[in-house]
N, C-alpha and C. Protein backbone atom coordinates (compact mmCIF):
# COMPACT_ATOMS: atom_id res chain seq x y z
N MET A 1 17.15 34.61 -1.60
CA MET A 1 16.17 34.83 -0.90
C MET A 1 15.99 35.26 0.14
N LYS A 2 17.64 36.56 0.33
CA LYS A 2 17.31 36.60 1.41
C LYS A 2 16.48 38.18 1.01
N ASP A 3 16.36 38.66 -0.34
CA ASP A 3 15.30 39.46 -0.60
C ASP A 3 13.82 38.63 0.43
N LYS A 4 13.61 38.02 -0.29
CA LYS A 4 12.02 36.87 0.16
C LYS A 4 11.77 36.84 1.67
N LEU A 5 12.69 36.47 2.29
CA LEU A 5 12.75 36.61 3.78
C LEU A 5 12.52 37.79 4.69
N GLU A 6 13.17 38.69 3.96
CA GLU A 6 12.78 40.36 3.92
C GLU A 6 11.77 41.23 4.04
N LYS A 7 11.45 40.65 3.30
CA LYS A 7 9.67 41.06 2.28
C LYS A 7 8.74 40.49 2.69
N THR A 8 8.50 39.66 2.67
CA THR A 8 7.34 38.99 3.95
C THR A 8 7.82 38.56 5.17
N GLY A 9 8.95 38.62 5.75
CA GLY A 9 9.30 38.50 7.35
C GLY A 9 9.13 36.75 7.87
N HIS A 10 9.05 35.97 7.15
CA HIS A 10 9.58 34.67 7.23
C HIS A 10 10.68 33.85 7.60
N LYS A 11 10.67 33.26 8.12
CA LYS A 11 12.18 32.46 8.13
C LYS A 11 12.16 31.49 7.50
N LYS A 12 13.86 31.56 7.99
CA LYS A 12 14.66 30.20 6.38
C LYS A 12 13.21 28.94 7.45
N GLY A 13 13.06 28.66 8.47
CA GLY A 13 12.92 27.44 8.93
C GLY A 13 11.62 27.03 7.80
N TYR A 14 10.42 28.51 7.86
CA TYR A 14 9.17 28.16 7.27
C TYR A 14 9.19 27.28 6.18
N TYR A 15 10.16 28.08 5.12
CA TYR A 15 9.81 28.04 3.41
C TYR A 15 10.61 26.65 3.70
N MET A 16 11.18 25.87 3.77
CA MET A 16 11.96 24.78 5.18
C MET A 16 10.54 23.64 5.33
N ARG A 17 9.78 24.00 5.79
CA ARG A 17 8.65 23.51 6.53
C ARG A 17 7.41 23.19 5.45
N ARG A 18 7.43 24.07 4.81
CA ARG A 18 6.71 23.92 3.25
C ARG A 18 7.02 23.39 2.81
N GLY A 19 8.09 23.34 1.96
CA GLY A 19 8.72 22.19 0.89
C GLY A 19 8.88 20.71 1.64
N PHE A 20 8.88 20.62 2.53
CA PHE A 20 9.04 19.46 3.31
C PHE A 20 6.82 18.87 3.39
N LEU A 21 6.39 19.56 3.41
CA LEU A 21 5.04 19.73 3.79
C LEU A 21 4.47 18.92 2.50
N ARG A 22 5.16 20.41 1.84
CA ARG A 22 4.31 19.85 -0.24
C ARG A 22 4.82 18.58 -0.69
N GLY A 23 5.84 18.31 -0.28
CA GLY A 23 6.58 17.40 -0.69
C GLY A 23 5.96 16.07 -0.52
N LEU A 24 5.68 15.98 0.87
CA LEU A 24 4.75 14.81 2.21
C LEU A 24 3.14 14.63 0.98
N ALA A 25 2.74 15.80 0.95
CA ALA A 25 1.32 15.68 0.79
C ALA A 25 1.54 14.82 -1.38
N LEU A 26 2.80 15.74 -1.70
CA LEU A 26 3.44 14.98 -2.96
C LEU A 26 3.39 13.14 -3.22
N GLY A 27 4.17 12.81 -2.45
CA GLY A 27 4.00 11.86 -2.19
C GLY A 27 2.92 10.89 -1.97
N PHE A 28 2.18 11.18 -0.27
CA PHE A 28 0.99 11.13 -0.08
C PHE A 28 0.32 10.19 -1.51
N ALA A 29 -0.28 11.74 -2.53
CA ALA A 29 -1.10 11.53 -3.47
C ALA A 29 -0.27 10.44 -4.39
N LEU A 30 0.73 10.73 -4.47
CA LEU A 30 1.22 9.46 -5.37
C LEU A 30 1.50 7.70 -5.16
N LEU A 31 1.15 8.10 -3.90
CA LEU A 31 1.07 6.20 -3.42
C LEU A 31 -0.72 6.29 -3.50
N THR A 32 -1.62 6.80 -3.18
CA THR A 32 -2.51 7.39 -3.38
C THR A 32 -3.26 6.39 -4.68
N VAL A 33 -3.01 7.31 -5.46
CA VAL A 33 -2.92 6.35 -7.32
C VAL A 33 -2.42 5.95 -7.23
N ALA A 34 -0.85 5.15 -7.04
CA ALA A 34 -0.72 4.03 -7.46
C ALA A 34 -1.28 2.64 -6.65
N ALA A 35 -2.07 3.05 -5.57
CA ALA A 35 -2.90 1.93 -4.75
C ALA A 35 -4.19 1.57 -6.07
N ILE A 36 -4.37 2.06 -6.06
CA ILE A 36 -5.96 2.29 -7.35
C ILE A 36 -5.52 1.07 -7.95
N PRO A 37 -4.39 0.52 -8.81
CA PRO A 37 -4.79 -0.83 -9.45
C PRO A 37 -4.93 -1.15 -8.76
N ILE A 38 -3.82 -1.47 -7.75
CA ILE A 38 -4.16 -2.02 -6.74
C ILE A 38 -5.05 -2.97 -6.40
N GLY A 39 -5.83 -2.12 -5.13
CA GLY A 39 -7.47 -2.42 -5.20
C GLY A 39 -7.87 -3.19 -5.83
N ILE A 40 -7.44 -2.71 -7.57
CA ILE A 40 -9.07 -3.02 -8.42
C ILE A 40 -8.76 -4.75 -8.33
N SER A 41 -7.39 -5.22 -8.34
CA SER A 41 -6.71 -6.24 -8.98
C SER A 41 -7.00 -7.58 -8.14
N TYR A 42 -7.23 -6.42 -6.60
CA TYR A 42 -7.57 -7.46 -5.95
C TYR A 42 -9.25 -8.09 -6.31
N LYS A 43 -9.77 -6.98 -5.94
CA LYS A 43 -11.30 -7.39 -6.09
C LYS A 43 -11.47 -8.16 -6.69
N VAL A 44 -10.82 -7.81 -8.55
CA VAL A 44 -11.19 -9.00 -9.55
C VAL A 44 -10.45 -10.35 -8.95
N SER A 45 -9.19 -10.18 -8.67
CA SER A 45 -9.06 -11.86 -7.88
C SER A 45 -9.29 -12.62 -7.30
N ALA A 46 -10.51 -11.14 -6.28
CA ALA A 46 -10.98 -12.27 -4.95
C ALA A 46 -12.41 -12.96 -5.68
N ALA A 47 -12.72 -12.29 -6.38
CA ALA A 47 -14.24 -12.46 -7.21
C ALA A 47 -13.58 -14.49 -8.29
N LYS A 48 -12.80 -13.81 -9.05
CA LYS A 48 -12.41 -15.20 -9.07
C LYS A 48 -12.10 -16.95 -8.42
N ILE A 49 -11.77 -16.45 -6.75
CA ILE A 49 -11.77 -16.78 -6.16
C ILE A 49 -13.05 -17.19 -5.65
N ASP A 50 -13.82 -16.40 -5.25
CA ASP A 50 -15.82 -16.32 -4.76
C ASP A 50 -16.57 -17.38 -5.79
N GLU A 51 -15.73 -17.69 -7.44
CA GLU A 51 -17.24 -17.72 -8.98
C GLU A 51 -17.29 -19.42 -8.70
N PRO A 52 -16.41 -20.13 -7.95
CA PRO A 52 -16.77 -21.41 -8.54
C PRO A 52 -17.92 -21.72 -6.71
N LYS A 53 -17.49 -20.98 -6.41
CA LYS A 53 -19.09 -21.35 -4.75
C LYS A 53 -20.07 -20.73 -5.27
N ALA A 54 -19.95 -19.89 -6.17
CA ALA A 54 -21.30 -19.36 -6.60
C ALA A 54 -21.70 -19.76 -7.49
N ALA A 55 -20.83 -20.49 -8.93
CA ALA A 55 -21.80 -21.68 -9.29
C ALA A 55 -22.04 -22.89 -8.76
N GLN A 56 -21.48 -22.50 -7.55
CA GLN A 56 -21.64 -24.02 -6.76
C GLN A 56 -23.74 -24.08 -6.43
N HIS A 57 -23.62 -22.55 -6.37
CA HIS A 57 -24.26 -22.71 -5.10
C HIS A 57 -25.68 -22.20 -5.54
N VAL A 58 -25.57 -21.68 -7.39
CA VAL A 58 -26.50 -21.56 -8.02
C VAL A 58 -27.25 -22.63 -8.61
N GLU A 59 -26.28 -23.94 -8.93
CA GLU A 59 -26.59 -24.88 -8.87
C GLU A 59 -27.65 -25.73 -7.87
N GLU A 60 -27.03 -25.24 -6.53
CA GLU A 60 -28.24 -25.93 -5.74
C GLU A 60 -29.31 -25.39 -5.51
N THR A 61 -29.31 -24.63 -5.47
CA THR A 61 -30.94 -23.20 -5.64
C THR A 61 -31.41 -24.16 -6.15
N LYS A 62 -30.71 -24.29 -7.64
CA LYS A 62 -31.22 -24.62 -8.86
C LYS A 62 -32.22 -26.13 -8.85
N LYS A 63 -31.42 -26.95 -7.79
CA LYS A 63 -31.97 -27.93 -7.83
C LYS A 63 -33.04 -28.09 -6.71
N GLN A 64 -32.58 -27.16 -5.76
CA GLN A 64 -33.92 -27.00 -4.59
C GLN A 64 -35.31 -27.03 -5.30
N VAL A 65 -35.34 -25.60 -6.11
CA VAL A 65 -36.51 -25.43 -6.92
C VAL A 65 -37.02 -26.39 -8.07
N GLU A 66 -36.32 -27.61 -7.99
CA GLU A 66 -36.52 -28.49 -9.17
C GLU A 66 -37.06 -29.12 -8.12
N GLU A 67 -36.95 -29.42 -7.15
CA GLU A 67 -37.50 -30.88 -6.26
C GLU A 67 -38.66 -29.95 -5.17
N GLU A 68 -38.96 -29.12 -5.33
CA GLU A 68 -40.20 -28.21 -4.73
C GLU A 68 -41.28 -27.89 -5.76
N SER A 69 -40.86 -27.80 -6.97
CA SER A 69 -41.92 -27.86 -7.76
C SER A 69 -42.24 -28.88 -8.29
N LEU A 70 -41.32 -29.97 -7.66
CA LEU A 70 -41.83 -31.61 -8.55
C LEU A 70 -44.04 -31.82 -7.83
N PRO A 71 -43.75 -31.83 -6.32
CA PRO A 71 -45.04 -31.70 -5.73
C PRO A 71 -45.54 -31.49 -6.51
N GLU A 72 -45.72 -30.05 -6.70
CA GLU A 72 -46.86 -28.90 -6.90
C GLU A 72 -47.57 -29.35 -7.63
N ALA A 73 -46.98 -30.11 -9.59
CA ALA A 73 -46.93 -30.88 -10.21
C ALA A 73 -47.92 -32.09 -9.91
N SER A 74 -47.49 -33.04 -9.25
CA SER A 74 -48.46 -33.42 -8.98
C SER A 74 -49.56 -33.49 -8.13
N ILE A 75 -49.65 -32.44 -7.95
CA ILE A 75 -50.47 -32.41 -6.50
C ILE A 75 -51.70 -31.74 -7.59
N GLU A 76 -51.54 -31.13 -8.55
CA GLU A 76 -52.69 -30.55 -10.03
C GLU A 76 -52.80 -31.44 -10.49
N GLU A 77 -52.25 -32.33 -10.90
CA GLU A 77 -53.23 -33.83 -12.27
C GLU A 77 -53.80 -33.95 -11.61
């Protein structure tokens, strides 16, 4: 280590900070990669919760369309 310090002119603290920052960056990268499946599962569960509401909305829209189309059919006849 002493040869490296004399060759580059850096102090011991430089290499300690560099190692710490590399470790911090690696930890942040691992946490980011680990958060991806959590985010996906959250989106899926949110979609499952909203699914009954969406189905009910589709049924209501179908009823509205049927109600609106009935008077038009009687006018044409």
